[in-house]
Amino acid sequence: MVNNQQHELEKLANTKMPFGKYKGKYLIDLPEHYIVWYNNKGFPTGKLGDQLRLVYEIQLNGLEDLVRKLKY
């Protein structure tokens, strides 16, 4: 269980935004206002939405630096 969660966090740390204004930027490095906007508007469906939702929770709790350390 722990290994799976760590793997998901590593994937999150190394995933880049696939479209829009922040295309190519790591999800964990997206500006907080952008993630909050998605939270209010509704996250996309699928894996990207799940990852953005997790980024929201991570940023809300101030844990971005822990995830950034997992970048390759």
N, C-alpha and C. Protein backbone atom coordinates (compact mmCIF):
# COMPACT_ATOMS: atom_id res chain seq x y z
N MET A 1 0.82 -1.20 0.00
CA MET A 1 0.00 0.00 0.00
C MET A 1 0.87 1.26 0.00
N VAL A 2 1.86 1.31 0.89
CA VAL A 2 2.73 2.47 0.98
C VAL A 2 3.50 2.66 -0.32
N ASN A 3 4.01 1.58 -0.90
CA ASN A 3 4.76 1.68 -2.15
C ASN A 3 3.90 2.24 -3.26
N ASN A 4 2.62 1.84 -3.33
CA ASN A 4 1.72 2.34 -4.35
C ASN A 4 1.48 3.84 -4.17
N GLN A 5 1.28 4.29 -2.94
CA GLN A 5 1.08 5.70 -2.67
C GLN A 5 2.33 6.50 -3.02
N GLN A 6 3.50 5.96 -2.68
CA GLN A 6 4.75 6.64 -3.02
C GLN A 6 4.91 6.72 -4.53
N HIS A 7 4.57 5.65 -5.22
CA HIS A 7 4.66 5.63 -6.67
C HIS A 7 3.75 6.70 -7.27
N GLU A 8 2.54 6.83 -6.75
CA GLU A 8 1.60 7.84 -7.26
C GLU A 8 2.13 9.25 -7.00
N LEU A 9 2.74 9.48 -5.86
CA LEU A 9 3.32 10.79 -5.57
C LEU A 9 4.52 11.08 -6.48
N GLU A 10 5.32 10.06 -6.77
CA GLU A 10 6.44 10.24 -7.69
C GLU A 10 5.93 10.58 -9.09
N LYS A 11 4.88 9.90 -9.53
CA LYS A 11 4.28 10.20 -10.82
C LYS A 11 3.75 11.63 -10.84
N LEU A 12 3.08 12.02 -9.76
CA LEU A 12 2.55 13.37 -9.67
C LEU A 12 3.68 14.40 -9.75
N ALA A 13 4.75 14.16 -9.04
CA ALA A 13 5.88 15.10 -9.02
C ALA A 13 6.50 15.28 -10.39
N ASN A 14 6.35 14.29 -11.26
CA ASN A 14 7.01 14.32 -12.57
C ASN A 14 6.04 14.47 -13.74
N THR A 15 4.80 14.79 -13.45
CA THR A 15 3.80 14.99 -14.51
C THR A 15 3.67 16.47 -14.82
N LYS A 16 3.62 16.77 -16.11
CA LYS A 16 3.49 18.16 -16.56
C LYS A 16 2.09 18.41 -17.09
N MET A 17 1.66 19.65 -16.99
CA MET A 17 0.37 20.07 -17.50
C MET A 17 0.35 19.89 -19.01
N PRO A 18 -0.64 19.17 -19.55
CA PRO A 18 -0.62 18.87 -20.97
C PRO A 18 -1.21 19.94 -21.88
N PHE A 19 -1.83 20.98 -21.33
CA PHE A 19 -2.47 21.98 -22.18
C PHE A 19 -2.60 23.31 -21.44
N GLY A 20 -3.04 24.33 -22.18
CA GLY A 20 -3.38 25.62 -21.59
C GLY A 20 -2.19 26.51 -21.30
N LYS A 21 -2.48 27.54 -20.55
CA LYS A 21 -1.51 28.57 -20.20
C LYS A 21 -0.26 28.00 -19.53
N TYR A 22 -0.44 26.95 -18.75
CA TYR A 22 0.68 26.37 -17.99
C TYR A 22 1.17 25.06 -18.60
N LYS A 23 0.93 24.87 -19.89
CA LYS A 23 1.39 23.66 -20.58
C LYS A 23 2.89 23.49 -20.37
N GLY A 24 3.30 22.27 -19.98
CA GLY A 24 4.71 21.98 -19.77
C GLY A 24 5.21 22.23 -18.36
N LYS A 25 4.40 22.86 -17.53
CA LYS A 25 4.80 23.12 -16.14
C LYS A 25 4.41 21.91 -15.29
N TYR A 26 5.27 21.53 -14.36
CA TYR A 26 4.95 20.42 -13.47
C TYR A 26 3.68 20.74 -12.69
N LEU A 27 2.81 19.74 -12.55
CA LEU A 27 1.55 19.95 -11.84
C LEU A 27 1.77 20.48 -10.44
N ILE A 28 2.78 19.98 -9.76
CA ILE A 28 3.04 20.41 -8.38
C ILE A 28 3.49 21.87 -8.32
N ASP A 29 3.96 22.41 -9.46
CA ASP A 29 4.43 23.79 -9.51
C ASP A 29 3.39 24.77 -10.06
N LEU A 30 2.18 24.27 -10.33
CA LEU A 30 1.14 25.16 -10.83
C LEU A 30 0.78 26.17 -9.74
N PRO A 31 0.48 27.42 -10.15
CA PRO A 31 0.14 28.44 -9.14
C PRO A 31 -1.11 28.04 -8.35
N GLU A 32 -1.10 28.39 -7.09
CA GLU A 32 -2.20 28.04 -6.21
C GLU A 32 -3.53 28.59 -6.73
N HIS A 33 -3.53 29.82 -7.24
CA HIS A 33 -4.78 30.40 -7.73
C HIS A 33 -5.38 29.59 -8.87
N TYR A 34 -4.55 28.98 -9.67
CA TYR A 34 -5.01 28.15 -10.79
C TYR A 34 -5.65 26.86 -10.27
N ILE A 35 -5.05 26.25 -9.29
CA ILE A 35 -5.59 25.02 -8.71
C ILE A 35 -6.90 25.33 -7.97
N VAL A 36 -6.96 26.46 -7.27
CA VAL A 36 -8.19 26.86 -6.58
C VAL A 36 -9.29 27.12 -7.60
N TRP A 37 -8.94 27.75 -8.73
CA TRP A 37 -9.91 27.98 -9.79
C TRP A 37 -10.50 26.66 -10.28
N TYR A 38 -9.64 25.66 -10.50
CA TYR A 38 -10.12 24.34 -10.91
C TYR A 38 -11.01 23.73 -9.84
N ASN A 39 -10.64 23.90 -8.58
CA ASN A 39 -11.44 23.36 -7.50
C ASN A 39 -12.85 23.96 -7.52
N ASN A 40 -12.94 25.25 -7.79
CA ASN A 40 -14.24 25.92 -7.84
C ASN A 40 -15.01 25.59 -9.11
N LYS A 41 -14.31 25.46 -10.24
CA LYS A 41 -14.92 25.22 -11.54
C LYS A 41 -15.28 23.74 -11.72
N GLY A 42 -14.44 22.89 -11.20
CA GLY A 42 -14.57 21.45 -11.38
C GLY A 42 -13.33 20.92 -12.08
N PHE A 43 -12.74 19.91 -11.51
CA PHE A 43 -11.54 19.31 -12.09
C PHE A 43 -11.91 18.50 -13.32
N PRO A 44 -10.98 18.36 -14.28
CA PRO A 44 -11.25 17.51 -15.43
C PRO A 44 -11.48 16.06 -14.98
N THR A 45 -12.11 15.30 -15.84
CA THR A 45 -12.31 13.88 -15.52
C THR A 45 -11.03 13.11 -15.78
N GLY A 46 -10.94 11.95 -15.23
CA GLY A 46 -9.82 11.06 -15.49
C GLY A 46 -8.62 11.30 -14.60
N LYS A 47 -7.49 10.76 -15.04
CA LYS A 47 -6.24 10.78 -14.28
C LYS A 47 -5.78 12.21 -13.97
N LEU A 48 -5.84 13.09 -14.98
CA LEU A 48 -5.40 14.48 -14.77
C LEU A 48 -6.22 15.15 -13.68
N GLY A 49 -7.52 14.96 -13.70
CA GLY A 49 -8.38 15.54 -12.67
C GLY A 49 -8.03 15.01 -11.29
N ASP A 50 -7.78 13.71 -11.21
CA ASP A 50 -7.39 13.11 -9.93
C ASP A 50 -6.08 13.72 -9.44
N GLN A 51 -5.13 13.90 -10.35
CA GLN A 51 -3.84 14.47 -9.96
C GLN A 51 -3.99 15.93 -9.54
N LEU A 52 -4.78 16.71 -10.26
CA LEU A 52 -4.98 18.11 -9.90
C LEU A 52 -5.70 18.23 -8.55
N ARG A 53 -6.62 17.33 -8.30
CA ARG A 53 -7.32 17.31 -7.01
C ARG A 53 -6.32 17.02 -5.88
N LEU A 54 -5.39 16.11 -6.14
CA LEU A 54 -4.36 15.79 -5.15
C LEU A 54 -3.42 16.98 -4.94
N VAL A 55 -3.07 17.68 -6.02
CA VAL A 55 -2.25 18.89 -5.91
C VAL A 55 -2.96 19.91 -5.04
N TYR A 56 -4.26 20.05 -5.23
CA TYR A 56 -5.04 20.98 -4.42
C TYR A 56 -4.90 20.64 -2.93
N GLU A 57 -5.07 19.38 -2.59
CA GLU A 57 -4.96 18.95 -1.20
C GLU A 57 -3.54 19.15 -0.66
N ILE A 58 -2.55 18.87 -1.49
CA ILE A 58 -1.16 19.04 -1.08
C ILE A 58 -0.86 20.51 -0.83
N GLN A 59 -1.30 21.38 -1.75
CA GLN A 59 -1.06 22.81 -1.58
C GLN A 59 -1.83 23.35 -0.38
N LEU A 60 -3.05 22.88 -0.19
CA LEU A 60 -3.87 23.32 0.93
C LEU A 60 -3.17 23.04 2.26
N ASN A 61 -2.42 21.95 2.31
CA ASN A 61 -1.71 21.56 3.53
C ASN A 61 -0.24 21.97 3.54
N GLY A 62 0.19 22.71 2.52
CA GLY A 62 1.56 23.22 2.50
C GLY A 62 2.63 22.16 2.34
N LEU A 63 2.32 21.10 1.60
CA LEU A 63 3.26 19.98 1.47
C LEU A 63 3.95 19.89 0.12
N GLU A 64 3.86 20.95 -0.68
CA GLU A 64 4.45 20.93 -2.03
C GLU A 64 5.93 20.56 -2.03
N ASP A 65 6.68 21.09 -1.09
CA ASP A 65 8.13 20.84 -1.07
C ASP A 65 8.45 19.36 -0.90
N LEU A 66 7.62 18.65 -0.16
CA LEU A 66 7.85 17.21 0.01
C LEU A 66 7.68 16.48 -1.31
N VAL A 67 6.70 16.88 -2.09
CA VAL A 67 6.46 16.25 -3.38
C VAL A 67 7.53 16.67 -4.39
N ARG A 68 7.94 17.92 -4.35
CA ARG A 68 8.98 18.40 -5.28
C ARG A 68 10.27 17.61 -5.13
N LYS A 69 10.56 17.12 -3.94
CA LYS A 69 11.78 16.34 -3.71
C LYS A 69 11.75 15.01 -4.44
N LEU A 70 10.57 14.61 -4.93
CA LEU A 70 10.43 13.32 -5.62
C LEU A 70 10.65 13.44 -7.14
N LYS A 71 10.94 14.66 -7.61
CA LYS A 71 11.20 14.83 -9.05
C LYS A 71 12.45 14.08 -9.43
N TYR A 72 12.45 13.52 -10.63
CA TYR A 72 13.61 12.76 -11.13
C TYR A 72 14.75 13.67 -11.45
